[in-house]
Amino acid sequence: MSKIGDSIEQAIAAINHGGVVVYPTEGVYGLGCDYLNEDCVHKILRLKQRDVSKGLVLVASHIQQILPLIQPENRADLARALKTWPGHQTWIFPKSMLTPAWISGHFDSVAVRVSAHPVVKQLCDRLSAPLVSTSANFTNQPTPNNIQEQFKLWGDSVDFYLDLPLGGSNQPSSIKLANSGKIIR
């Protein structure tokens, strides 16, 4: 049975037990799980009705959580992203051999963000790892902006609903290519 609460510890416990959580980000609620748990990632993809080939974003509390998963083409690419982190910018880098295919989809790249949101930072710090971060909505549908609407949408399909405040943005993060700064979203 799903729970709604404001406990970071309960959210961490759900993630560590292979669960899916709804949690606040800078702009919208996210669906998250352990990015190394393939079954859990596929559960999120089924919930969202999203094809695995499209890939997912990983969010982290600091760059050290992301560095093993990316292969920047040059220092300028990493520097471009670092100027915006921590923050509400997602960057696409070439992936390393450590990035699971269920995260990168059919791409040779991975989308990553170092968040400034205090809840995201706490989750990733406590996990000592990045977290899957995809908007908590059906693909191409609006994202409910309060936890009660999230619960109505997902019900017991989600293990824990972390009822803490969203950040100050009213939209998902922008997504840019690290090698050029070109905006994808």
N, C-alpha and C. Protein backbone atom coordinates (compact mmCIF):
# COMPACT_ATOMS: atom_id res chain seq x y z
N MET A 1 0.84 -1.18 0.00
CA MET A 1 0.00 0.00 0.00
C MET A 1 0.89 1.24 0.00
N SER A 2 0.58 2.17 -0.84
CA SER A 2 1.35 3.40 -0.98
C SER A 2 1.18 4.31 0.22
N LYS A 3 2.22 5.13 0.45
CA LYS A 3 2.17 6.10 1.53
C LYS A 3 2.47 7.49 0.99
N ILE A 4 1.84 8.48 1.63
CA ILE A 4 2.15 9.88 1.38
C ILE A 4 2.78 10.41 2.67
N GLY A 5 3.91 11.10 2.54
CA GLY A 5 4.53 11.65 3.73
C GLY A 5 5.63 12.62 3.39
N ASP A 6 6.21 13.20 4.43
CA ASP A 6 7.27 14.19 4.21
C ASP A 6 8.64 13.67 4.69
N SER A 7 8.77 12.37 4.84
CA SER A 7 9.99 11.77 5.37
C SER A 7 10.96 11.36 4.25
N ILE A 8 12.12 12.01 4.24
CA ILE A 8 13.18 11.62 3.31
C ILE A 8 13.57 10.17 3.59
N GLU A 9 13.60 9.79 4.86
CA GLU A 9 13.99 8.42 5.24
C GLU A 9 13.06 7.38 4.63
N GLN A 10 11.75 7.67 4.64
CA GLN A 10 10.80 6.72 4.04
C GLN A 10 10.98 6.65 2.52
N ALA A 11 11.26 7.77 1.89
CA ALA A 11 11.51 7.76 0.45
C ALA A 11 12.75 6.94 0.13
N ILE A 12 13.81 7.12 0.90
CA ILE A 12 15.05 6.36 0.71
C ILE A 12 14.79 4.87 0.90
N ALA A 13 14.04 4.52 1.94
CA ALA A 13 13.73 3.12 2.19
C ALA A 13 12.97 2.51 1.02
N ALA A 14 12.02 3.25 0.47
CA ALA A 14 11.26 2.75 -0.68
C ALA A 14 12.19 2.51 -1.87
N ILE A 15 13.07 3.47 -2.15
CA ILE A 15 14.02 3.34 -3.27
C ILE A 15 14.95 2.15 -3.04
N ASN A 16 15.48 2.03 -1.83
CA ASN A 16 16.41 0.94 -1.51
C ASN A 16 15.76 -0.43 -1.57
N HIS A 17 14.44 -0.47 -1.47
CA HIS A 17 13.71 -1.74 -1.58
C HIS A 17 13.13 -1.95 -2.98
N GLY A 18 13.67 -1.23 -3.95
CA GLY A 18 13.23 -1.42 -5.33
C GLY A 18 11.95 -0.72 -5.69
N GLY A 19 11.61 0.32 -4.95
CA GLY A 19 10.36 1.02 -5.18
C GLY A 19 10.50 2.26 -6.04
N VAL A 20 9.34 2.76 -6.45
CA VAL A 20 9.22 4.00 -7.22
C VAL A 20 8.67 5.07 -6.28
N VAL A 21 9.25 6.27 -6.35
CA VAL A 21 8.77 7.38 -5.54
C VAL A 21 8.39 8.56 -6.42
N VAL A 22 7.43 9.34 -5.94
CA VAL A 22 7.14 10.64 -6.51
C VAL A 22 7.80 11.63 -5.58
N TYR A 23 8.59 12.56 -6.14
CA TYR A 23 9.32 13.51 -5.31
C TYR A 23 9.37 14.87 -6.00
N PRO A 24 9.52 15.94 -5.20
CA PRO A 24 9.55 17.28 -5.78
C PRO A 24 10.90 17.59 -6.42
N THR A 25 10.86 18.31 -7.53
CA THR A 25 12.08 18.82 -8.16
C THR A 25 11.93 20.34 -8.27
N GLU A 26 12.80 20.94 -9.04
CA GLU A 26 12.77 22.39 -9.19
C GLU A 26 11.45 22.91 -9.76
N GLY A 27 10.85 22.15 -10.68
CA GLY A 27 9.67 22.66 -11.37
C GLY A 27 8.44 21.79 -11.32
N VAL A 28 8.63 20.48 -11.31
CA VAL A 28 7.50 19.55 -11.34
C VAL A 28 7.82 18.36 -10.43
N TYR A 29 6.81 17.57 -10.14
CA TYR A 29 7.07 16.32 -9.42
C TYR A 29 7.72 15.34 -10.38
N GLY A 30 8.65 14.56 -9.84
CA GLY A 30 9.34 13.55 -10.62
C GLY A 30 9.00 12.16 -10.15
N LEU A 31 9.13 11.21 -11.07
CA LEU A 31 9.08 9.79 -10.72
C LEU A 31 10.53 9.34 -10.66
N GLY A 32 10.90 8.67 -9.58
CA GLY A 32 12.28 8.27 -9.45
C GLY A 32 12.44 6.89 -8.86
N CYS A 33 13.65 6.36 -9.08
CA CYS A 33 14.03 5.06 -8.53
C CYS A 33 15.54 4.93 -8.66
N ASP A 34 16.06 3.82 -8.18
CA ASP A 34 17.47 3.48 -8.32
C ASP A 34 17.74 3.24 -9.80
N TYR A 35 18.63 4.02 -10.39
CA TYR A 35 18.88 3.90 -11.83
C TYR A 35 19.53 2.58 -12.20
N LEU A 36 20.11 1.86 -11.24
CA LEU A 36 20.73 0.56 -11.54
C LEU A 36 19.74 -0.59 -11.44
N ASN A 37 18.54 -0.34 -10.97
CA ASN A 37 17.51 -1.36 -10.83
C ASN A 37 16.68 -1.39 -12.12
N GLU A 38 17.05 -2.27 -13.02
CA GLU A 38 16.39 -2.33 -14.33
C GLU A 38 14.89 -2.57 -14.23
N ASP A 39 14.47 -3.46 -13.35
CA ASP A 39 13.03 -3.74 -13.21
C ASP A 39 12.27 -2.50 -12.78
N CYS A 40 12.84 -1.76 -11.85
CA CYS A 40 12.18 -0.56 -11.35
C CYS A 40 12.12 0.53 -12.44
N VAL A 41 13.20 0.67 -13.20
CA VAL A 41 13.20 1.65 -14.30
C VAL A 41 12.13 1.27 -15.32
N HIS A 42 12.02 -0.01 -15.64
CA HIS A 42 10.99 -0.44 -16.59
C HIS A 42 9.58 -0.21 -16.03
N LYS A 43 9.44 -0.32 -14.73
CA LYS A 43 8.14 -0.03 -14.12
C LYS A 43 7.77 1.43 -14.35
N ILE A 44 8.72 2.34 -14.16
CA ILE A 44 8.46 3.76 -14.41
C ILE A 44 8.09 3.98 -15.88
N LEU A 45 8.81 3.34 -16.77
CA LEU A 45 8.51 3.49 -18.20
C LEU A 45 7.11 2.99 -18.53
N ARG A 46 6.71 1.87 -17.93
CA ARG A 46 5.35 1.36 -18.15
C ARG A 46 4.31 2.33 -17.59
N LEU A 47 4.57 2.84 -16.38
CA LEU A 47 3.63 3.79 -15.78
C LEU A 47 3.43 5.01 -16.68
N LYS A 48 4.52 5.55 -17.19
CA LYS A 48 4.46 6.76 -18.02
C LYS A 48 4.01 6.47 -19.44
N GLN A 49 3.98 5.20 -19.81
CA GLN A 49 3.68 4.80 -21.18
C GLN A 49 4.74 5.40 -22.12
N ARG A 50 6.00 5.25 -21.70
CA ARG A 50 7.15 5.81 -22.40
C ARG A 50 8.02 4.66 -22.90
N ASP A 51 8.46 4.75 -24.12
CA ASP A 51 9.31 3.73 -24.70
C ASP A 51 10.73 3.83 -24.14
N VAL A 52 11.31 2.70 -23.80
CA VAL A 52 12.67 2.66 -23.24
C VAL A 52 13.69 3.28 -24.19
N SER A 53 13.43 3.28 -25.47
CA SER A 53 14.38 3.81 -26.45
C SER A 53 14.61 5.31 -26.29
N LYS A 54 13.68 6.01 -25.64
CA LYS A 54 13.81 7.47 -25.49
C LYS A 54 14.80 7.89 -24.41
N GLY A 55 15.15 6.99 -23.50
CA GLY A 55 16.08 7.31 -22.43
C GLY A 55 15.43 8.12 -21.33
N LEU A 56 16.18 8.27 -20.24
CA LEU A 56 15.71 8.99 -19.06
C LEU A 56 16.80 9.92 -18.55
N VAL A 57 16.41 10.89 -17.76
CA VAL A 57 17.34 11.83 -17.12
C VAL A 57 17.77 11.25 -15.78
N LEU A 58 19.03 11.48 -15.44
CA LEU A 58 19.53 11.19 -14.10
C LEU A 58 19.81 12.51 -13.41
N VAL A 59 19.44 12.61 -12.15
CA VAL A 59 19.69 13.81 -11.36
C VAL A 59 20.61 13.43 -10.21
N ALA A 60 21.49 14.35 -9.83
CA ALA A 60 22.47 14.08 -8.79
C ALA A 60 22.60 15.28 -7.85
N SER A 61 23.28 15.05 -6.74
CA SER A 61 23.51 16.13 -5.79
C SER A 61 24.85 16.82 -6.02
N HIS A 62 25.76 16.14 -6.71
CA HIS A 62 27.05 16.75 -7.03
C HIS A 62 27.67 16.04 -8.24
N ILE A 63 28.61 16.70 -8.84
CA ILE A 63 29.21 16.22 -10.10
C ILE A 63 29.88 14.86 -9.94
N GLN A 64 30.41 14.55 -8.75
CA GLN A 64 31.09 13.27 -8.57
C GLN A 64 30.15 12.08 -8.79
N GLN A 65 28.86 12.28 -8.59
CA GLN A 65 27.91 11.19 -8.83
C GLN A 65 27.69 10.96 -10.32
N ILE A 66 27.98 11.96 -11.13
CA ILE A 66 27.71 11.88 -12.57
C ILE A 66 28.96 11.53 -13.39
N LEU A 67 30.11 11.98 -12.95
CA LEU A 67 31.33 11.81 -13.73
C LEU A 67 31.58 10.38 -14.23
N PRO A 68 31.34 9.34 -13.42
CA PRO A 68 31.57 7.99 -13.94
C PRO A 68 30.65 7.58 -15.09
N LEU A 69 29.55 8.30 -15.28
CA LEU A 69 28.54 7.92 -16.27
C LEU A 69 28.65 8.66 -17.59
N ILE A 70 29.52 9.66 -17.64
CA ILE A 70 29.64 10.48 -18.85
C ILE A 70 31.07 10.44 -19.39
N GLN A 71 31.18 10.76 -20.67
CA GLN A 71 32.47 10.85 -21.36
C GLN A 71 32.50 12.17 -22.15
N PRO A 72 32.73 13.29 -21.46
CA PRO A 72 32.75 14.57 -22.19
C PRO A 72 33.78 14.52 -23.32
N GLU A 73 33.42 15.10 -24.47
CA GLU A 73 34.33 15.11 -25.61
C GLU A 73 35.54 15.99 -25.36
N ASN A 74 35.35 17.05 -24.55
CA ASN A 74 36.47 17.91 -24.18
C ASN A 74 36.12 18.68 -22.92
N ARG A 75 37.11 19.36 -22.36
CA ARG A 75 36.91 20.09 -21.10
C ARG A 75 35.88 21.20 -21.23
N ALA A 76 35.81 21.82 -22.39
CA ALA A 76 34.87 22.92 -22.58
C ALA A 76 33.43 22.45 -22.42
N ASP A 77 33.14 21.22 -22.83
CA ASP A 77 31.78 20.68 -22.70
C ASP A 77 31.39 20.55 -21.24
N LEU A 78 32.29 20.00 -20.44
CA LEU A 78 32.01 19.86 -19.02
C LEU A 78 31.94 21.23 -18.35
N ALA A 79 32.82 22.13 -18.74
CA ALA A 79 32.82 23.49 -18.18
C ALA A 79 31.50 24.19 -18.46
N ARG A 80 30.95 23.98 -19.65
CA ARG A 80 29.66 24.60 -20.03
C ARG A 80 28.57 24.17 -19.05
N ALA A 81 28.54 22.89 -18.74
CA ALA A 81 27.52 22.38 -17.81
C ALA A 81 27.80 22.86 -16.38
N LEU A 82 29.05 22.83 -15.98
CA LEU A 82 29.39 23.21 -14.61
C LEU A 82 29.01 24.66 -14.30
N LYS A 83 28.99 25.51 -15.32
CA LYS A 83 28.59 26.91 -15.11
C LYS A 83 27.13 27.02 -14.69
N THR A 84 26.33 26.00 -14.99
CA THR A 84 24.89 26.04 -14.69
C THR A 84 24.51 25.17 -13.49
N TRP A 85 25.44 24.42 -12.96
CA TRP A 85 25.16 23.47 -11.86
C TRP A 85 25.76 23.98 -10.56
N PRO A 86 25.12 23.68 -9.44
CA PRO A 86 23.81 23.05 -9.38
C PRO A 86 22.74 24.00 -9.89
N GLY A 87 21.77 23.42 -10.54
CA GLY A 87 20.72 24.23 -11.11
C GLY A 87 19.72 23.44 -11.91
N HIS A 88 18.91 24.16 -12.63
CA HIS A 88 17.74 23.61 -13.33
C HIS A 88 18.06 23.38 -14.81
N GLN A 89 19.28 22.92 -15.09
CA GLN A 89 19.72 22.66 -16.47
C GLN A 89 20.14 21.20 -16.59
N THR A 90 19.58 20.50 -17.56
CA THR A 90 19.97 19.13 -17.87
C THR A 90 20.85 19.18 -19.11
N TRP A 91 21.94 18.42 -19.08
CA TRP A 91 22.90 18.39 -20.19
C TRP A 91 23.05 16.97 -20.71
N ILE A 92 23.17 16.86 -22.02
CA ILE A 92 23.35 15.56 -22.66
C ILE A 92 24.83 15.40 -23.02
N PHE A 93 25.44 14.35 -22.45
CA PHE A 93 26.84 14.01 -22.69
C PHE A 93 26.93 12.63 -23.34
N PRO A 94 28.04 12.35 -24.04
CA PRO A 94 28.28 10.96 -24.44
C PRO A 94 28.33 10.10 -23.17
N LYS A 95 27.74 8.93 -23.24
CA LYS A 95 27.69 8.07 -22.06
C LYS A 95 28.97 7.26 -21.92
N SER A 96 29.23 6.84 -20.69
CA SER A 96 30.35 5.93 -20.45
C SER A 96 29.82 4.50 -20.49
N MET A 97 30.73 3.56 -20.39
CA MET A 97 30.35 2.14 -20.38
C MET A 97 29.55 1.79 -19.12
N LEU A 98 29.57 2.65 -18.12
CA LEU A 98 28.86 2.39 -16.86
C LEU A 98 27.38 2.81 -16.91
N THR A 99 26.99 3.50 -17.97
CA THR A 99 25.59 3.94 -18.09
C THR A 99 24.74 2.80 -18.64
N PRO A 100 23.75 2.35 -17.88
CA PRO A 100 22.91 1.26 -18.36
C PRO A 100 22.09 1.65 -19.60
N ALA A 101 21.87 0.68 -20.47
CA ALA A 101 21.10 0.91 -21.69
C ALA A 101 19.66 1.29 -21.37
N TRP A 102 19.13 0.82 -20.25
CA TRP A 102 17.75 1.17 -19.88
C TRP A 102 17.64 2.61 -19.43
N ILE A 103 18.77 3.29 -19.22
CA ILE A 103 18.78 4.72 -18.91
C ILE A 103 19.01 5.53 -20.18
N SER A 104 19.96 5.12 -21.01
CA SER A 104 20.31 5.90 -22.20
C SER A 104 19.40 5.64 -23.39
N GLY A 105 18.62 4.57 -23.34
CA GLY A 105 17.75 4.25 -24.47
C GLY A 105 18.57 3.87 -25.69
N HIS A 106 18.14 4.30 -26.87
CA HIS A 106 18.89 3.94 -28.08
C HIS A 106 19.98 4.96 -28.40
N PHE A 107 20.30 5.82 -27.44
CA PHE A 107 21.30 6.86 -27.65
C PHE A 107 22.67 6.43 -27.13
N ASP A 108 23.71 7.05 -27.67
CA ASP A 108 25.08 6.87 -27.17
C ASP A 108 25.40 7.97 -26.17
N SER A 109 24.36 8.53 -25.60
CA SER A 109 24.50 9.66 -24.67
C SER A 109 23.57 9.46 -23.49
N VAL A 110 23.77 10.32 -22.49
CA VAL A 110 22.93 10.28 -21.30
C VAL A 110 22.64 11.71 -20.85
N ALA A 111 21.43 11.94 -20.40
CA ALA A 111 21.00 13.26 -19.91
C ALA A 111 21.17 13.30 -18.40
N VAL A 112 21.90 14.32 -17.92
CA VAL A 112 22.22 14.41 -16.49
C VAL A 112 22.03 15.84 -15.98
N ARG A 113 21.76 15.94 -14.67
CA ARG A 113 21.60 17.24 -14.04
C ARG A 113 22.11 17.17 -12.61
N VAL A 114 22.79 18.21 -12.18
CA VAL A 114 23.14 18.36 -10.77
C VAL A 114 22.16 19.39 -10.22
N SER A 115 21.31 18.94 -9.32
CA SER A 115 20.20 19.75 -8.84
C SER A 115 20.60 20.66 -7.69
N ALA A 116 19.90 21.78 -7.61
CA ALA A 116 20.03 22.69 -6.46
C ALA A 116 18.85 22.51 -5.50
N HIS A 117 17.87 21.70 -5.88
CA HIS A 117 16.69 21.52 -5.03
C HIS A 117 17.10 20.76 -3.77
N PRO A 118 16.77 21.28 -2.60
CA PRO A 118 17.24 20.65 -1.36
C PRO A 118 16.75 19.21 -1.17
N VAL A 119 15.55 18.90 -1.61
CA VAL A 119 15.04 17.53 -1.45
C VAL A 119 15.79 16.58 -2.38
N VAL A 120 15.99 16.97 -3.62
CA VAL A 120 16.73 16.13 -4.57
C VAL A 120 18.15 15.91 -4.04
N LYS A 121 18.77 16.98 -3.55
CA LYS A 121 20.12 16.86 -3.01
C LYS A 121 20.17 15.87 -1.84
N GLN A 122 19.19 15.97 -0.94
CA GLN A 122 19.16 15.04 0.20
C GLN A 122 18.97 13.60 -0.25
N LEU A 123 18.06 13.39 -1.20
CA LEU A 123 17.84 12.03 -1.69
C LEU A 123 19.11 11.45 -2.30
N CYS A 124 19.74 12.20 -3.17
CA CYS A 124 20.95 11.70 -3.85
C CYS A 124 22.12 11.56 -2.88
N ASP A 125 22.24 12.48 -1.93
CA ASP A 125 23.30 12.35 -0.92
C ASP A 125 23.09 11.09 -0.08
N ARG A 126 21.86 10.85 0.33
CA ARG A 126 21.58 9.67 1.15
C ARG A 126 21.74 8.37 0.36
N LEU A 127 21.44 8.41 -0.93
CA LEU A 127 21.62 7.23 -1.78
C LEU A 127 23.07 7.06 -2.23
N SER A 128 23.84 8.14 -2.13
CA SER A 128 25.22 8.18 -2.65
C SER A 128 25.24 7.83 -4.13
N ALA A 129 24.22 8.30 -4.86
CA ALA A 129 24.08 7.96 -6.28
C ALA A 129 23.07 8.89 -6.93
N PRO A 130 23.14 8.97 -8.26
CA PRO A 130 22.09 9.69 -8.98
C PRO A 130 20.76 8.94 -8.87
N LEU A 131 19.72 9.65 -9.23
CA LEU A 131 18.36 9.14 -9.16
C LEU A 131 17.71 9.34 -10.52
N VAL A 132 16.88 8.38 -10.95
CA VAL A 132 16.09 8.59 -12.15
C VAL A 132 15.19 9.79 -11.90
N SER A 133 15.10 10.66 -12.89
CA SER A 133 14.27 11.86 -12.77
C SER A 133 13.50 12.07 -14.06
N THR A 134 12.25 11.68 -14.03
CA THR A 134 11.37 11.91 -15.17
C THR A 134 10.08 12.50 -14.63
N SER A 135 9.49 13.41 -15.37
CA SER A 135 8.29 14.08 -14.88
C SER A 135 7.21 13.06 -14.53
N ALA A 136 6.51 13.31 -13.45
CA ALA A 136 5.50 12.39 -12.94
C ALA A 136 4.17 12.63 -13.64
N ASN A 137 4.14 12.21 -14.90
CA ASN A 137 2.95 12.36 -15.74
C ASN A 137 2.97 11.27 -16.80
N PHE A 138 1.83 11.09 -17.46
CA PHE A 138 1.82 10.24 -18.64
C PHE A 138 2.52 11.02 -19.75
N THR A 139 3.21 10.33 -20.60
CA THR A 139 3.93 10.97 -21.70
C THR A 139 3.01 11.91 -22.47
N ASN A 140 3.50 13.13 -22.69
CA ASN A 140 2.79 14.18 -23.44
C ASN A 140 1.51 14.68 -22.76
N GLN A 141 1.41 14.49 -21.45
CA GLN A 141 0.27 14.98 -20.68
C GLN A 141 0.78 15.95 -19.62
N PRO A 142 -0.08 16.83 -19.10
CA PRO A 142 0.35 17.75 -18.04
C PRO A 142 0.79 16.99 -16.79
N THR A 143 1.69 17.61 -16.02
CA THR A 143 2.15 17.01 -14.77
C THR A 143 1.37 17.61 -13.61
N PRO A 144 0.63 16.79 -12.86
CA PRO A 144 -0.09 17.31 -11.70
C PRO A 144 0.88 18.01 -10.74
N ASN A 145 0.46 19.15 -10.18
CA ASN A 145 1.39 19.94 -9.38
C ASN A 145 1.12 19.90 -7.88
N ASN A 146 0.36 18.91 -7.42
CA ASN A 146 0.27 18.70 -5.98
C ASN A 146 0.22 17.20 -5.71
N ILE A 147 0.58 16.84 -4.50
CA ILE A 147 0.76 15.42 -4.18
C ILE A 147 -0.56 14.65 -4.20
N GLN A 148 -1.67 15.29 -3.86
CA GLN A 148 -2.95 14.60 -3.90
C GLN A 148 -3.33 14.23 -5.35
N GLU A 149 -3.08 15.15 -6.28
CA GLU A 149 -3.34 14.84 -7.70
C GLU A 149 -2.39 13.75 -8.19
N GLN A 150 -1.16 13.77 -7.70
CA GLN A 150 -0.22 12.71 -8.06
C GLN A 150 -0.74 11.35 -7.58
N PHE A 151 -1.24 11.32 -6.35
CA PHE A 151 -1.78 10.07 -5.82
C PHE A 151 -2.97 9.58 -6.63
N LYS A 152 -3.85 10.51 -7.03
CA LYS A 152 -5.00 10.13 -7.87
C LYS A 152 -4.53 9.54 -9.20
N LEU A 153 -3.44 10.08 -9.73
CA LEU A 153 -2.92 9.61 -11.02
C LEU A 153 -2.30 8.22 -10.92
N TRP A 154 -1.48 7.98 -9.90
CA TRP A 154 -0.68 6.76 -9.83
C TRP A 154 -1.18 5.73 -8.82
N GLY A 155 -1.88 6.17 -7.77
CA GLY A 155 -2.37 5.25 -6.76
C GLY A 155 -1.27 4.37 -6.18
N ASP A 156 -1.59 3.09 -6.01
CA ASP A 156 -0.65 2.15 -5.41
C ASP A 156 0.45 1.68 -6.36
N SER A 157 0.49 2.21 -7.57
CA SER A 157 1.59 1.89 -8.50
C SER A 157 2.90 2.52 -8.07
N VAL A 158 2.79 3.57 -7.25
CA VAL A 158 3.97 4.24 -6.70
C VAL A 158 4.07 3.85 -5.23
N ASP A 159 5.28 3.60 -4.77
CA ASP A 159 5.48 3.11 -3.41
C ASP A 159 5.45 4.21 -2.35
N PHE A 160 5.95 5.41 -2.69
CA PHE A 160 5.97 6.49 -1.71
C PHE A 160 5.84 7.83 -2.42
N TYR A 161 5.02 8.69 -1.85
CA TYR A 161 4.82 10.05 -2.36
C TYR A 161 5.45 11.02 -1.36
N LEU A 162 6.53 11.67 -1.77
CA LEU A 162 7.25 12.59 -0.89
C LEU A 162 6.61 13.97 -0.99
N ASP A 163 5.85 14.32 0.02
CA ASP A 163 5.05 15.54 0.03
C ASP A 163 5.85 16.69 0.62
N LEU A 164 6.74 17.23 -0.19
CA LEU A 164 7.55 18.40 0.17
C LEU A 164 7.46 19.40 -0.98
N PRO A 165 7.81 20.66 -0.75
CA PRO A 165 7.57 21.71 -1.76
C PRO A 165 8.40 21.56 -3.04
N LEU A 166 7.76 21.94 -4.14
CA LEU A 166 8.45 22.07 -5.42
C LEU A 166 9.37 23.29 -5.34
N GLY A 167 10.33 23.36 -6.26
CA GLY A 167 11.19 24.54 -6.36
C GLY A 167 10.44 25.69 -7.02
N GLY A 168 11.15 26.74 -7.35
CA GLY A 168 10.52 27.95 -7.85
C GLY A 168 10.19 27.99 -9.33
N SER A 169 10.57 26.98 -10.08
CA SER A 169 10.29 26.99 -11.52
C SER A 169 8.90 26.42 -11.78
N ASN A 170 8.30 26.82 -12.90
CA ASN A 170 6.98 26.29 -13.23
C ASN A 170 7.02 25.32 -14.41
N GLN A 171 8.21 24.79 -14.70
CA GLN A 171 8.34 23.85 -15.82
C GLN A 171 9.51 22.92 -15.59
N PRO A 172 9.58 21.81 -16.33
CA PRO A 172 10.73 20.91 -16.23
C PRO A 172 12.01 21.63 -16.65
N SER A 173 13.14 21.04 -16.31
CA SER A 173 14.42 21.65 -16.66
C SER A 173 14.59 21.72 -18.17
N SER A 174 15.38 22.68 -18.60
CA SER A 174 15.74 22.71 -20.01
C SER A 174 16.77 21.62 -20.25
N ILE A 175 16.87 21.15 -21.48
CA ILE A 175 17.82 20.10 -21.85
C ILE A 175 18.68 20.63 -22.99
N LYS A 176 20.01 20.55 -22.80
CA LYS A 176 20.94 21.07 -23.80
C LYS A 176 22.00 20.04 -24.13
N LEU A 177 22.55 20.16 -25.34
CA LEU A 177 23.67 19.32 -25.75
C LEU A 177 24.96 19.90 -25.18
N ALA A 178 25.73 19.07 -24.50
CA ALA A 178 26.95 19.55 -23.85
C ALA A 178 28.00 20.00 -24.87
N ASN A 179 28.02 19.40 -26.04
CA ASN A 179 29.07 19.73 -27.01
C ASN A 179 28.82 21.02 -27.77
N SER A 180 27.59 21.59 -27.65
CA SER A 180 27.30 22.81 -28.40
C SER A 180 26.48 23.84 -27.62
N GLY A 181 25.80 23.40 -26.59
CA GLY A 181 24.88 24.27 -25.86
C GLY A 181 23.53 24.39 -26.53
N LYS A 182 23.33 23.67 -27.64
CA LYS A 182 22.05 23.71 -28.35
C LYS A 182 20.93 23.20 -27.45
N ILE A 183 19.82 23.94 -27.43
CA ILE A 183 18.67 23.59 -26.60
C ILE A 183 17.84 22.51 -27.31
N ILE A 184 17.59 21.42 -26.60
CA ILE A 184 16.76 20.33 -27.10
C ILE A 184 15.32 20.51 -26.60
N ARG A 185 15.19 20.98 -25.34
CA ARG A 185 13.88 21.25 -24.74
C ARG A 185 14.01 22.45 -23.82
